[in-house]
Amino acid sequence: MADNYEPYFGAFSDIDLYDNVKGNDWMDQLFGRTGEQFNHNLTVSGGGDKFKWNATYARLYDKAIMVGSNYSRDNLGLKTQFKPNKRVTLDFNIRYSRAKVRGAGANSLNDSGTRARAV
């Protein structure tokens, strides 16, 4: 076993050389920041008898406790309704969403470190 251990880590009998060496708290260095979550929603609407509209914007930002990881998402939406007469109603809905994942994101389910966009 010493043949496998010593080339990488040194002789076990030399452990006293490290008595005054400060160790690393790897958990603190990796997960040592305070997480934050920021969430805002804004809705504006208007219209009259024949035409109505509704515009929305939502922003989510999640700074994870893991250093170098966060997640953000922006959503935009627009709904309109046009009623030219009593029997006909035309509805139009459109939505745009953009998500950015850095590192593991807000959880450990995405370890790829890529940026994802959904439209």
PDB file of N, CA and C in Angstrom:
ATOM      1  N   MET A   1       0.820  -1.190   0.000  1.00  0.00           N
ATOM      2  CA  MET A   1       0.000   0.000   0.000  1.00  0.00           C
ATOM      3  C   MET A   1       0.868   1.259   0.000  1.00  0.00           C
ATOM      4  N   ALA A   2       1.982   1.244   0.657  1.00  0.00           N
ATOM      5  CA  ALA A   2       2.861   2.408   0.705  1.00  0.00           C
ATOM      6  C   ALA A   2       3.350   2.778  -0.689  1.00  0.00           C
ATOM      7  N   ASP A   3       3.479   1.776  -1.554  1.00  0.00           N
ATOM      8  CA  ASP A   3       3.920   2.058  -2.926  1.00  0.00           C
ATOM      9  C   ASP A   3       2.883   2.881  -3.688  1.00  0.00           C
ATOM     10  N   ASN A   4       1.618   2.725  -3.361  1.00  0.00           N
ATOM     11  CA  ASN A   4       0.553   3.490  -4.019  1.00  0.00           C
ATOM     12  C   ASN A   4       0.334   4.855  -3.375  1.00  0.00           C
ATOM     13  N   TYR A   5       0.578   4.958  -2.096  1.00  0.00           N
ATOM     14  CA  TYR A   5       0.274   6.171  -1.335  1.00  0.00           C
ATOM     15  C   TYR A   5       1.397   7.205  -1.389  1.00  0.00           C
ATOM     16  N   GLU A   6       2.614   6.786  -1.128  1.00  0.00           N
ATOM     17  CA  GLU A   6       3.738   7.714  -0.960  1.00  0.00           C
ATOM     18  C   GLU A   6       4.067   8.552  -2.195  1.00  0.00           C
ATOM     19  N   PRO A   7       3.980   8.040  -3.410  1.00  0.00           N
ATOM     20  CA  PRO A   7       4.304   8.913  -4.560  1.00  0.00           C
ATOM     21  C   PRO A   7       3.377  10.124  -4.686  1.00  0.00           C
ATOM     22  N   TYR A   8       2.154   9.996  -4.188  1.00  0.00           N
ATOM     23  CA  TYR A   8       1.180  11.083  -4.304  1.00  0.00           C
ATOM     24  C   TYR A   8       1.098  11.966  -3.059  1.00  0.00           C
ATOM     25  N   PHE A   9       1.204  11.362  -1.883  1.00  0.00           N
ATOM     26  CA  PHE A   9       0.954  12.087  -0.650  1.00  0.00           C
ATOM     27  C   PHE A   9       2.152  12.174   0.291  1.00  0.00           C
ATOM     28  N   GLY A  10       3.241  11.482   0.006  1.00  0.00           N
ATOM     29  CA  GLY A  10       4.409  11.470   0.889  1.00  0.00           C
ATOM     30  C   GLY A  10       4.297  10.389   1.941  1.00  0.00           C
ATOM     31  N   ALA A  11       5.348  10.253   2.723  1.00  0.00           N
ATOM     32  CA  ALA A  11       5.369   9.227   3.755  1.00  0.00           C
ATOM     33  C   ALA A  11       4.482   9.639   4.928  1.00  0.00           C
ATOM     34  N   PHE A  12       3.740   8.681   5.477  1.00  0.00           N
ATOM     35  CA  PHE A  12       2.863   8.961   6.605  1.00  0.00           C
ATOM     36  C   PHE A  12       3.656   9.408   7.823  1.00  0.00           C
ATOM     37  N   SER A  13       4.891   8.964   7.938  1.00  0.00           N
ATOM     38  CA  SER A  13       5.722   9.349   9.080  1.00  0.00           C
ATOM     39  C   SER A  13       6.079  10.835   9.056  1.00  0.00           C
ATOM     40  N   ASP A  14       5.889  11.516   7.935  1.00  0.00           N
ATOM     41  CA  ASP A  14       6.167  12.955   7.822  1.00  0.00           C
ATOM     42  C   ASP A  14       4.968  13.820   8.183  1.00  0.00           C
ATOM     43  N   ILE A  15       3.928  13.233   8.748  1.00  0.00           N
ATOM     44  CA  ILE A  15       2.699  13.990   9.037  1.00  0.00           C
ATOM     45  C   ILE A  15       2.941  15.119  10.025  1.00  0.00           C
ATOM     46  N   ASP A  16       3.955  14.983  10.896  1.00  0.00           N
ATOM     47  CA  ASP A  16       4.232  16.040  11.868  1.00  0.00           C
ATOM     48  C   ASP A  16       4.734  17.324  11.205  1.00  0.00           C
ATOM     49  N   LEU A  17       5.141  17.273   9.940  1.00  0.00           N
ATOM     50  CA  LEU A  17       5.545  18.480   9.220  1.00  0.00           C
ATOM     51  C   LEU A  17       4.367  19.430   9.010  1.00  0.00           C
ATOM     52  N   TYR A  18       3.165  18.913   9.114  1.00  0.00           N
ATOM     53  CA  TYR A  18       1.964  19.704   8.848  1.00  0.00           C
ATOM     54  C   TYR A  18       1.241  20.133  10.126  1.00  0.00           C
ATOM     55  N   ASP A  19       1.884  20.004  11.270  1.00  0.00           N
ATOM     56  CA  ASP A  19       1.239  20.357  12.539  1.00  0.00           C
ATOM     57  C   ASP A  19       0.811  21.820  12.599  1.00  0.00           C
ATOM     58  N   ASN A  20       1.584  22.751  12.092  1.00  0.00           N
ATOM     59  CA  ASN A  20       1.272  24.179  12.185  1.00  0.00           C
ATOM     60  C   ASN A  20       0.723  24.756  10.876  1.00  0.00           C
ATOM     61  N   VAL A  21       0.362  23.902   9.943  1.00  0.00           N
ATOM     62  CA  VAL A  21      -0.174  24.359   8.657  1.00  0.00           C
ATOM     63  C   VAL A  21      -1.695  24.458   8.775  1.00  0.00           C
ATOM     64  N   LYS A  22      -2.199  25.619   8.417  1.00  0.00           N
ATOM     65  CA  LYS A  22      -3.651  25.825   8.469  1.00  0.00           C
ATOM     66  C   LYS A  22      -4.316  25.018   7.355  1.00  0.00           C
ATOM     67  N   GLY A  23      -5.380  24.319   7.684  1.00  0.00           N
ATOM     68  CA  GLY A  23      -6.118  23.529   6.705  1.00  0.00           C
ATOM     69  C   GLY A  23      -7.146  24.374   5.971  1.00  0.00           C
ATOM     70  N   ASN A  24      -7.755  23.795   4.977  1.00  0.00           N
ATOM     71  CA  ASN A  24      -8.814  24.450   4.210  1.00  0.00           C
ATOM     72  C   ASN A  24     -10.172  23.931   4.643  1.00  0.00           C
ATOM     73  N   ASP A  25     -11.101  24.846   4.811  1.00  0.00           N
ATOM     74  CA  ASP A  25     -12.491  24.469   5.043  1.00  0.00           C
ATOM     75  C   ASP A  25     -13.167  24.464   3.676  1.00  0.00           C
ATOM     76  N   TRP A  26     -13.117  23.323   3.008  1.00  0.00           N
ATOM     77  CA  TRP A  26     -13.610  23.237   1.636  1.00  0.00           C
ATOM     78  C   TRP A  26     -15.107  23.497   1.549  1.00  0.00           C
ATOM     79  N   MET A  27     -15.866  23.090   2.537  1.00  0.00           N
ATOM     80  CA  MET A  27     -17.307  23.348   2.510  1.00  0.00           C
ATOM     81  C   MET A  27     -17.590  24.844   2.563  1.00  0.00           C
ATOM     82  N   ASP A  28     -16.829  25.566   3.379  1.00  0.00           N
ATOM     83  CA  ASP A  28     -17.013  27.007   3.469  1.00  0.00           C
ATOM     84  C   ASP A  28     -16.583  27.693   2.174  1.00  0.00           C
ATOM     85  N   GLN A  29     -15.514  27.220   1.557  1.00  0.00           N
ATOM     86  CA  GLN A  29     -15.049  27.844   0.317  1.00  0.00           C
ATOM     87  C   GLN A  29     -15.991  27.579  -0.847  1.00  0.00           C
ATOM     88  N   LEU A  30     -16.650  26.440  -0.841  1.00  0.00           N
ATOM     89  CA  LEU A  30     -17.547  26.101  -1.940  1.00  0.00           C
ATOM     90  C   LEU A  30     -18.975  26.591  -1.699  1.00  0.00           C
ATOM     91  N   PHE A  31     -19.461  26.432  -0.464  1.00  0.00           N
ATOM     92  CA  PHE A  31     -20.843  26.792  -0.145  1.00  0.00           C
ATOM     93  C   PHE A  31     -20.915  27.937   0.859  1.00  0.00           C
ATOM     94  N   GLY A  32     -19.909  28.776   0.918  1.00  0.00           N
ATOM     95  CA  GLY A  32     -19.789  29.742   1.988  1.00  0.00           C
ATOM     96  C   GLY A  32     -20.453  31.074   1.786  1.00  0.00           C
ATOM     97  N   ARG A  33     -21.290  31.243   0.805  1.00  0.00           N
ATOM     98  CA  ARG A  33     -21.944  32.555   0.678  1.00  0.00           C
ATOM     99  C   ARG A  33     -23.426  32.441   1.000  1.00  0.00           C
ATOM    100  N   THR A  34     -24.007  33.554   1.330  1.00  0.00           N
ATOM    101  CA  THR A  34     -25.423  33.608   1.646  1.00  0.00           C
ATOM    102  C   THR A  34     -26.220  33.700   0.350  1.00  0.00           C
ATOM    103  N   GLY A  35     -27.172  32.844   0.192  1.00  0.00           N
ATOM    104  CA  GLY A  35     -28.021  32.869  -0.997  1.00  0.00           C
ATOM    105  C   GLY A  35     -29.031  34.006  -0.930  1.00  0.00           C
ATOM    106  N   GLU A  36     -29.453  34.462  -2.087  1.00  0.00           N
ATOM    107  CA  GLU A  36     -30.459  35.524  -2.177  1.00  0.00           C
ATOM    108  C   GLU A  36     -31.447  35.172  -3.272  1.00  0.00           C
ATOM    109  N   GLN A  37     -32.653  35.626  -3.112  1.00  0.00           N
ATOM    110  CA  GLN A  37     -33.638  35.488  -4.169  1.00  0.00           C
ATOM    111  C   GLN A  37     -34.356  36.821  -4.348  1.00  0.00           C
ATOM    112  N   PHE A  38     -34.468  37.239  -5.599  1.00  0.00           N
ATOM    113  CA  PHE A  38     -35.068  38.513  -5.966  1.00  0.00           C
ATOM    114  C   PHE A  38     -36.168  38.196  -6.965  1.00  0.00           C
ATOM    115  N   ASN A  39     -37.378  38.644  -6.697  1.00  0.00           N
ATOM    116  CA  ASN A  39     -38.509  38.332  -7.558  1.00  0.00           C
ATOM    117  C   ASN A  39     -39.398  39.565  -7.673  1.00  0.00           C
ATOM    118  N   HIS A  40     -39.639  40.014  -8.911  1.00  0.00           N
ATOM    119  CA  HIS A  40     -40.528  41.159  -9.144  1.00  0.00           C
ATOM    120  C   HIS A  40     -41.512  40.816 -10.256  1.00  0.00           C
ATOM    121  N   ASN A  41     -42.711  41.316 -10.110  1.00  0.00           N
ATOM    122  CA  ASN A  41     -43.757  41.157 -11.121  1.00  0.00           C
ATOM    123  C   ASN A  41     -44.398  42.517 -11.367  1.00  0.00           C
ATOM    124  N   LEU A  42     -44.624  42.822 -12.632  1.00  0.00           N
ATOM    125  CA  LEU A  42     -45.262  44.082 -13.013  1.00  0.00           C
ATOM    126  C   LEU A  42     -46.347  43.776 -14.032  1.00  0.00           C
ATOM    127  N   THR A  43     -47.536  44.294 -13.813  1.00  0.00           N
ATOM    128  CA  THR A  43     -48.647  44.108 -14.738  1.00  0.00           C
ATOM    129  C   THR A  43     -49.282  45.463 -15.018  1.00  0.00           C
ATOM    130  N   VAL A  44     -49.512  45.729 -16.304  1.00  0.00           N
ATOM    131  CA  VAL A  44     -50.172  46.952 -16.738  1.00  0.00           C
ATOM    132  C   VAL A  44     -51.293  46.544 -17.687  1.00  0.00           C
ATOM    133  N   SER A  45     -52.469  47.116 -17.500  1.00  0.00           N
ATOM    134  CA  SER A  45     -53.585  46.758 -18.371  1.00  0.00           C
ATOM    135  C   SER A  45     -54.419  47.987 -18.680  1.00  0.00           C
ATOM    136  N   GLY A  46     -55.221  47.848 -19.712  1.00  0.00           N
ATOM    137  CA  GLY A  46     -56.073  48.959 -20.110  1.00  0.00           C
ATOM    138  C   GLY A  46     -57.051  48.518 -21.186  1.00  0.00           C
ATOM    139  N   GLY A  47     -57.773  49.473 -21.723  1.00  0.00           N
ATOM    140  CA  GLY A  47     -58.708  49.181 -22.795  1.00  0.00           C
ATOM    141  C   GLY A  47     -60.076  49.770 -22.545  1.00  0.00           C
ATOM    142  N   GLY A  48     -60.982  49.367 -23.415  1.00  0.00           N
ATOM    143  CA  GLY A  48     -62.362  49.854 -23.326  1.00  0.00           C
ATOM    144  C   GLY A  48     -63.329  48.733 -23.616  1.00  0.00           C
ATOM    145  N   ASP A  49     -64.495  49.075 -24.200  1.00  0.00           N
ATOM    146  CA  ASP A  49     -65.528  48.074 -24.474  1.00  0.00           C
ATOM    147  C   ASP A  49     -65.114  47.086 -25.562  1.00  0.00           C
ATOM    148  N   LYS A  50     -64.455  47.571 -26.606  1.00  0.00           N
ATOM    149  CA  LYS A  50     -64.132  46.706 -27.746  1.00  0.00           C
ATOM    150  C   LYS A  50     -62.705  46.156 -27.725  1.00  0.00           C
ATOM    151  N   PHE A  51     -61.810  46.814 -27.035  1.00  0.00           N
ATOM    152  CA  PHE A  51     -60.405  46.379 -27.051  1.00  0.00           C
ATOM    153  C   PHE A  51     -59.840  46.424 -25.633  1.00  0.00           C
ATOM    154  N   LYS A  52     -59.225  45.315 -25.219  1.00  0.00           N
ATOM    155  CA  LYS A  52     -58.579  45.227 -23.908  1.00  0.00           C
ATOM    156  C   LYS A  52     -57.178  44.670 -24.098  1.00  0.00           C
ATOM    157  N   TRP A  53     -56.272  45.095 -23.218  1.00  0.00           N
ATOM    158  CA  TRP A  53     -54.899  44.588 -23.286  1.00  0.00           C
ATOM    159  C   TRP A  53     -54.326  44.430 -21.878  1.00  0.00           C
ATOM    160  N   ASN A  54     -53.319  43.571 -21.797  1.00  0.00           N
ATOM    161  CA  ASN A  54     -52.676  43.273 -20.527  1.00  0.00           C
ATOM    162  C   ASN A  54     -51.206  42.939 -20.834  1.00  0.00           C
ATOM    163  N   ALA A  55     -50.266  43.687 -20.254  1.00  0.00           N
ATOM    164  CA  ALA A  55     -48.838  43.448 -20.447  1.00  0.00           C
ATOM    165  C   ALA A  55     -48.215  43.082 -19.094  1.00  0.00           C
ATOM    166  N   THR A  56     -47.365  42.064 -19.088  1.00  0.00           N
ATOM    167  CA  THR A  56     -46.733  41.618 -17.853  1.00  0.00           C
ATOM    168  C   THR A  56     -45.226  41.476 -18.035  1.00  0.00           C
ATOM    169  N   TYR A  57     -44.505  41.697 -16.949  1.00  0.00           N
ATOM    170  CA  TYR A  57     -43.059  41.447 -16.895  1.00  0.00           C
ATOM    171  C   TYR A  57     -42.758  40.831 -15.530  1.00  0.00           C
ATOM    172  N   ALA A  58     -41.991  39.753 -15.534  1.00  0.00           N
ATOM    173  CA  ALA A  58     -41.605  39.088 -14.289  1.00  0.00           C
ATOM    174  C   ALA A  58     -40.106  38.815 -14.336  1.00  0.00           C
ATOM    175  N   ARG A  59     -39.427  39.081 -13.232  1.00  0.00           N
ATOM    176  CA  ARG A  59     -37.974  38.868 -13.126  1.00  0.00           C
ATOM    177  C   ARG A  59     -37.700  38.042 -11.883  1.00  0.00           C
ATOM    178  N   LEU A  60     -36.918  36.981 -12.053  1.00  0.00           N
ATOM    179  CA  LEU A  60     -36.486  36.150 -10.940  1.00  0.00           C
ATOM    180  C   LEU A  60     -34.970  36.045 -10.996  1.00  0.00           C
ATOM    181  N   TYR A  61     -34.320  36.318  -9.879  1.00  0.00           N
ATOM    182  CA  TYR A  61     -32.869  36.141  -9.768  1.00  0.00           C
ATOM    183  C   TYR A  61     -32.603  35.362  -8.486  1.00  0.00           C
ATOM    184  N   ASP A  62     -31.877  34.274  -8.607  1.00  0.00           N
ATOM    185  CA  ASP A  62     -31.582  33.409  -7.470  1.00  0.00           C
ATOM    186  C   ASP A  62     -30.075  33.206  -7.386  1.00  0.00           C
ATOM    187  N   LYS A  63     -29.449  33.813  -6.375  1.00  0.00           N
ATOM    188  CA  LYS A  63     -28.017  33.621  -6.133  1.00  0.00           C
ATOM    189  C   LYS A  63     -27.891  32.459  -5.157  1.00  0.00           C
ATOM    190  N   ALA A  64     -27.339  31.359  -5.620  1.00  0.00           N
ATOM    191  CA  ALA A  64     -27.241  30.150  -4.806  1.00  0.00           C
ATOM    192  C   ALA A  64     -26.117  30.274  -3.779  1.00  0.00           C
ATOM    193  N   ILE A  65     -26.118  29.388  -2.792  1.00  0.00           N
ATOM    194  CA  ILE A  65     -25.066  29.406  -1.779  1.00  0.00           C
ATOM    195  C   ILE A  65     -23.742  28.891  -2.342  1.00  0.00           C
ATOM    196  N   MET A  66     -23.789  28.148  -3.457  1.00  0.00           N
ATOM    197  CA  MET A  66     -22.560  27.653  -4.069  1.00  0.00           C
ATOM    198  C   MET A  66     -21.889  28.787  -4.838  1.00  0.00           C
ATOM    199  N   VAL A  67     -20.634  29.040  -4.535  1.00  0.00           N
ATOM    200  CA  VAL A  67     -19.887  30.122  -5.174  1.00  0.00           C
ATOM    201  C   VAL A  67     -19.848  29.882  -6.684  1.00  0.00           C
ATOM    202  N   GLY A  68     -20.126  30.918  -7.464  1.00  0.00           N
ATOM    203  CA  GLY A  68     -20.101  30.822  -8.920  1.00  0.00           C
ATOM    204  C   GLY A  68     -21.366  30.280  -9.541  1.00  0.00           C
ATOM    205  N   SER A  69     -22.429  30.135  -8.769  1.00  0.00           N
ATOM    206  CA  SER A  69     -23.685  29.594  -9.295  1.00  0.00           C
ATOM    207  C   SER A  69     -24.823  30.576  -9.064  1.00  0.00           C
ATOM    208  N   ASN A  70     -25.641  30.749 -10.096  1.00  0.00           N
ATOM    209  CA  ASN A  70     -26.860  31.526  -9.957  1.00  0.00           C
ATOM    210  C   ASN A  70     -27.812  31.194 -11.087  1.00  0.00           C
ATOM    211  N   TYR A  71     -29.020  31.685 -10.981  1.00  0.00           N
ATOM    212  CA  TYR A  71     -30.068  31.427 -11.959  1.00  0.00           C
ATOM    213  C   TYR A  71     -30.890  32.700 -12.096  1.00  0.00           C
ATOM    214  N   SER A  72     -31.204  33.062 -13.336  1.00  0.00           N
ATOM    215  CA  SER A  72     -32.081  34.211 -13.550  1.00  0.00           C
ATOM    216  C   SER A  72     -33.056  33.902 -14.682  1.00  0.00           C
ATOM    217  N   ARG A  73     -34.239  34.517 -14.578  1.00  0.00           N
ATOM    218  CA  ARG A  73     -35.267  34.312 -15.599  1.00  0.00           C
ATOM    219  C   ARG A  73     -36.049  35.601 -15.780  1.00  0.00           C
ATOM    220  N   ASP A  74     -36.293  35.961 -17.030  1.00  0.00           N
ATOM    221  CA  ASP A  74     -37.128  37.107 -17.393  1.00  0.00           C
ATOM    222  C   ASP A  74     -38.283  36.601 -18.236  1.00  0.00           C
ATOM    223  N   ASN A  75     -39.501  37.034 -17.914  1.00  0.00           N
ATOM    224  CA  ASN A  75     -40.699  36.681 -18.679  1.00  0.00           C
ATOM    225  C   ASN A  75     -41.415  37.955 -19.099  1.00  0.00           C
ATOM    226  N   LEU A  76     -41.771  38.018 -20.370  1.00  0.00           N
ATOM    227  CA  LEU A  76     -42.594  39.105 -20.909  1.00  0.00           C
ATOM    228  C   LEU A  76     -43.861  38.499 -21.491  1.00  0.00           C
ATOM    229  N   GLY A  77     -44.973  39.153 -21.283  1.00  0.00           N
ATOM    230  CA  GLY A  77     -46.224  38.658 -21.838  1.00  0.00           C
ATOM    231  C   GLY A  77     -47.118  39.793 -22.303  1.00  0.00           C
ATOM    232  N   LEU A  78     -47.891  39.525 -23.345  1.00  0.00           N
ATOM    233  CA  LEU A  78     -48.852  40.496 -23.864  1.00  0.00           C
ATOM    234  C   LEU A  78     -50.115  39.745 -24.262  1.00  0.00           C
ATOM    235  N   LYS A  79     -51.242  40.196 -23.743  1.00  0.00           N
ATOM    236  CA  LYS A  79     -52.554  39.642 -24.090  1.00  0.00           C
ATOM    237  C   LYS A  79     -53.421  40.778 -24.615  1.00  0.00           C
ATOM    238  N   THR A  80     -54.095  40.495 -25.690  1.00  0.00           N
ATOM    239  CA  THR A  80     -55.048  41.481 -26.215  1.00  0.00           C
ATOM    240  C   THR A  80     -56.375  40.771 -26.524  1.00  0.00           C
ATOM    241  N   GLN A  81     -57.440  41.530 -26.451  1.00  0.00           N
ATOM    242  CA  GLN A  81     -58.760  41.006 -26.784  1.00  0.00           C
ATOM    243  C   GLN A  81     -59.504  42.088 -27.568  1.00  0.00           C
ATOM    244  N   PHE A  82     -59.975  41.697 -28.755  1.00  0.00           N
ATOM    245  CA  PHE A  82     -60.722  42.615 -29.616  1.00  0.00           C
ATOM    246  C   PHE A  82     -62.098  42.024 -29.852  1.00  0.00           C
ATOM    247  N   LYS A  83     -63.106  42.807 -29.580  1.00  0.00           N
ATOM    248  CA  LYS A  83     -64.494  42.353 -29.745  1.00  0.00           C
ATOM    249  C   LYS A  83     -65.198  43.310 -30.708  1.00  0.00           C
ATOM    250  N   PRO A  84     -65.139  42.994 -32.031  1.00  0.00           N
ATOM    251  CA  PRO A  84     -65.745  43.902 -33.006  1.00  0.00           C
ATOM    252  C   PRO A  84     -67.271  43.950 -32.930  1.00  0.00           C
ATOM    253  N   ASN A  85     -67.906  42.846 -32.500  1.00  0.00           N
ATOM    254  CA  ASN A  85     -69.362  42.839 -32.294  1.00  0.00           C
ATOM    255  C   ASN A  85     -69.706  41.845 -31.189  1.00  0.00           C
ATOM    256  N   LYS A  86     -71.001  41.641 -30.941  1.00  0.00           N
ATOM    257  CA  LYS A  86     -71.403  40.788 -29.823  1.00  0.00           C
ATOM    258  C   LYS A  86     -71.053  39.319 -30.016  1.00  0.00           C
ATOM    259  N   ARG A  87     -70.934  38.860 -31.235  1.00  0.00           N
ATOM    260  CA  ARG A  87     -70.724  37.434 -31.515  1.00  0.00           C
ATOM    261  C   ARG A  87     -69.257  37.058 -31.758  1.00  0.00           C
ATOM    262  N   VAL A  88     -68.419  38.002 -32.027  1.00  0.00           N
ATOM    263  CA  VAL A  88     -67.022  37.703 -32.390  1.00  0.00           C
ATOM    264  C   VAL A  88     -66.081  38.315 -31.352  1.00  0.00           C
ATOM    265  N   THR A  89     -65.156  37.464 -30.865  1.00  0.00           N
ATOM    266  CA  THR A  89     -64.104  37.927 -29.965  1.00  0.00           C
ATOM    267  C   THR A  89     -62.777  37.360 -30.465  1.00  0.00           C
ATOM    268  N   LEU A  90     -61.797  38.228 -30.637  1.00  0.00           N
ATOM    269  CA  LEU A  90     -60.464  37.809 -31.073  1.00  0.00           C
ATOM    270  C   LEU A  90     -59.478  37.996 -29.928  1.00  0.00           C
ATOM    271  N   ASP A  91     -58.791  36.910 -29.557  1.00  0.00           N
ATOM    272  CA  ASP A  91     -57.787  36.946 -28.495  1.00  0.00           C
ATOM    273  C   ASP A  91     -56.412  36.704 -29.094  1.00  0.00           C
ATOM    274  N   PHE A  92     -55.427  37.422 -28.581  1.00  0.00           N
ATOM    275  CA  PHE A  92     -54.043  37.260 -29.021  1.00  0.00           C
ATOM    276  C   PHE A  92     -53.160  37.235 -27.773  1.00  0.00           C
ATOM    277  N   ASN A  93     -52.336  36.201 -27.650  1.00  0.00           N
ATOM    278  CA  ASN A  93     -51.419  36.052 -26.521  1.00  0.00           C
ATOM    279  C   ASN A  93     -50.016  35.773 -27.044  1.00  0.00           C
ATOM    280  N   ILE A  94     -49.032  36.437 -26.464  1.00  0.00           N
ATOM    281  CA  ILE A  94     -47.639  36.171 -26.804  1.00  0.00           C
ATOM    282  C   ILE A  94     -46.821  36.218 -25.511  1.00  0.00           C
ATOM    283  N   ARG A  95     -45.836  35.342 -25.437  1.00  0.00           N
ATOM    284  CA  ARG A  95     -44.992  35.285 -24.243  1.00  0.00           C
ATOM    285  C   ARG A  95     -43.559  35.001 -24.650  1.00  0.00           C
ATOM    286  N   TYR A  96     -42.637  35.701 -24.006  1.00  0.00           N
ATOM    287  CA  TYR A  96     -41.204  35.498 -24.229  1.00  0.00           C
ATOM    288  C   TYR A  96     -40.562  35.206 -22.873  1.00  0.00           C
ATOM    289  N   SER A  97     -39.689  34.206 -22.853  1.00  0.00           N
ATOM    290  CA  SER A  97     -39.011  33.844 -21.616  1.00  0.00           C
ATOM    291  C   SER A  97     -37.536  33.617 -21.907  1.00  0.00           C
ATOM    292  N   ARG A  98     -36.677  34.125 -21.021  1.00  0.00           N
ATOM    293  CA  ARG A  98     -35.231  33.917 -21.151  1.00  0.00           C
ATOM    294  C   ARG A  98     -34.695  33.493 -19.794  1.00  0.00           C
ATOM    295  N   ALA A  99     -33.965  32.392 -19.772  1.00  0.00           N
ATOM    296  CA  ALA A  99     -33.368  31.895 -18.525  1.00  0.00           C
ATOM    297  C   ALA A  99     -31.863  31.789 -18.705  1.00  0.00           C
ATOM    298  N   LYS A 100     -31.118  32.162 -17.664  1.00  0.00           N
ATOM    299  CA  LYS A 100     -29.665  32.041 -17.658  1.00  0.00           C
ATOM    300  C   LYS A 100     -29.254  31.231 -16.442  1.00  0.00           C
ATOM    301  N   VAL A 101     -28.469  30.194 -16.677  1.00  0.00           N
ATOM    302  CA  VAL A 101     -27.983  29.341 -15.602  1.00  0.00           C
ATOM    303  C   VAL A 101     -26.466  29.444 -15.578  1.00  0.00           C
ATOM    304  N   ARG A 102     -25.921  29.746 -14.413  1.00  0.00           N
ATOM    305  CA  ARG A 102     -24.461  29.817 -14.256  1.00  0.00           C
ATOM    306  C   ARG A 102     -24.047  28.795 -13.206  1.00  0.00           C
ATOM    307  N   GLY A 103     -23.024  28.021 -13.502  1.00  0.00           N
ATOM    308  CA  GLY A 103     -22.580  26.986 -12.570  1.00  0.00           C
ATOM    309  C   GLY A 103     -23.654  25.945 -12.405  1.00  0.00           C
ATOM    310  N   ALA A 104     -23.984  25.626 -11.163  1.00  0.00           N
ATOM    311  CA  ALA A 104     -25.028  24.643 -10.887  1.00  0.00           C
ATOM    312  C   ALA A 104     -26.407  25.289 -10.844  1.00  0.00           C
ATOM    313  N   GLY A 105     -26.495  26.582 -11.111  1.00  0.00           N
ATOM    314  CA  GLY A 105     -27.788  27.257 -11.041  1.00  0.00           C
ATOM    315  C   GLY A 105     -28.223  27.418  -9.607  1.00  0.00           C
ATOM    316  N   ALA A 106     -29.512  27.334  -9.381  1.00  0.00           N
ATOM    317  CA  ALA A 106     -30.038  27.491  -8.033  1.00  0.00           C
ATOM    318  C   ALA A 106     -30.074  26.174  -7.281  1.00  0.00           C
ATOM    319  N   ASN A 107     -29.810  25.080  -7.977  1.00  0.00           N
ATOM    320  CA  ASN A 107     -29.748  23.774  -7.317  1.00  0.00           C
ATOM    321  C   ASN A 107     -28.715  22.927  -8.039  1.00  0.00           C
ATOM    322  N   SER A 108     -28.513  21.708  -7.593  1.00  0.00           N
ATOM    323  CA  SER A 108     -27.480  20.859  -8.169  1.00  0.00           C
ATOM    324  C   SER A 108     -27.991  19.993  -9.311  1.00  0.00           C
ATOM    325  N   LEU A 109     -29.170  20.274  -9.838  1.00  0.00           N
ATOM    326  CA  LEU A 109     -29.700  19.465 -10.928  1.00  0.00           C
ATOM    327  C   LEU A 109     -29.042  19.789 -12.261  1.00  0.00           C
ATOM    328  N   ASN A 110     -28.469  20.984 -12.405  1.00  0.00           N
ATOM    329  CA  ASN A 110     -27.835  21.377 -13.652  1.00  0.00           C
ATOM    330  C   ASN A 110     -26.371  21.702 -13.369  1.00  0.00           C
ATOM    331  N   ASP A 111     -25.498  20.743 -13.580  1.00  0.00           N
ATOM    332  CA  ASP A 111     -24.079  20.941 -13.319  1.00  0.00           C
ATOM    333  C   ASP A 111     -23.309  21.285 -14.581  1.00  0.00           C
ATOM    334  N   SER A 112     -23.992  21.540 -15.690  1.00  0.00           N
ATOM    335  CA  SER A 112     -23.309  21.745 -16.962  1.00  0.00           C
ATOM    336  C   SER A 112     -22.673  23.121 -17.086  1.00  0.00           C
ATOM    337  N   GLY A 113     -23.157  24.109 -16.359  1.00  0.00           N
ATOM    338  CA  GLY A 113     -22.584  25.441 -16.450  1.00  0.00           C
ATOM    339  C   GLY A 113     -22.905  26.152 -17.741  1.00  0.00           C
ATOM    340  N   THR A 114     -23.942  25.728 -18.432  1.00  0.00           N
ATOM    341  CA  THR A 114     -24.297  26.340 -19.704  1.00  0.00           C
ATOM    342  C   THR A 114     -25.384  27.379 -19.500  1.00  0.00           C
ATOM    343  N   ARG A 115     -25.621  28.153 -20.550  1.00  0.00           N
ATOM    344  CA  ARG A 115     -26.715  29.122 -20.530  1.00  0.00           C
ATOM    345  C   ARG A 115     -27.823  28.575 -21.407  1.00  0.00           C
ATOM    346  N   ALA A 116     -29.020  28.597 -20.890  1.00  0.00           N
ATOM    347  CA  ALA A 116     -30.166  28.055 -21.630  1.00  0.00           C
ATOM    348  C   ALA A 116     -31.128  29.201 -21.940  1.00  0.00           C
ATOM    349  N   ARG A 117     -31.653  29.187 -23.149  1.00  0.00           N
ATOM    350  CA  ARG A 117     -32.659  30.173 -23.535  1.00  0.00           C
ATOM    351  C   ARG A 117     -33.874  29.440 -24.046  1.00  0.00           C
ATOM    352  N   ALA A 118     -35.025  29.800 -23.540  1.00  0.00           N
ATOM    353  CA  ALA A 118     -36.282  29.220 -24.009  1.00  0.00           C
ATOM    354  C   ALA A 118     -37.133  30.344 -24.563  1.00  0.00           C
ATOM    355  N   VAL A 119     -37.641  30.132 -25.733  1.00  0.00           N
ATOM    356  CA  VAL A 119     -38.501  31.117 -26.364  1.00  0.00           C
ATOM    357  C   VAL A 119     -39.835  30.497 -26.680  1.00  0.00           C
TER     358      VAL A 119
END
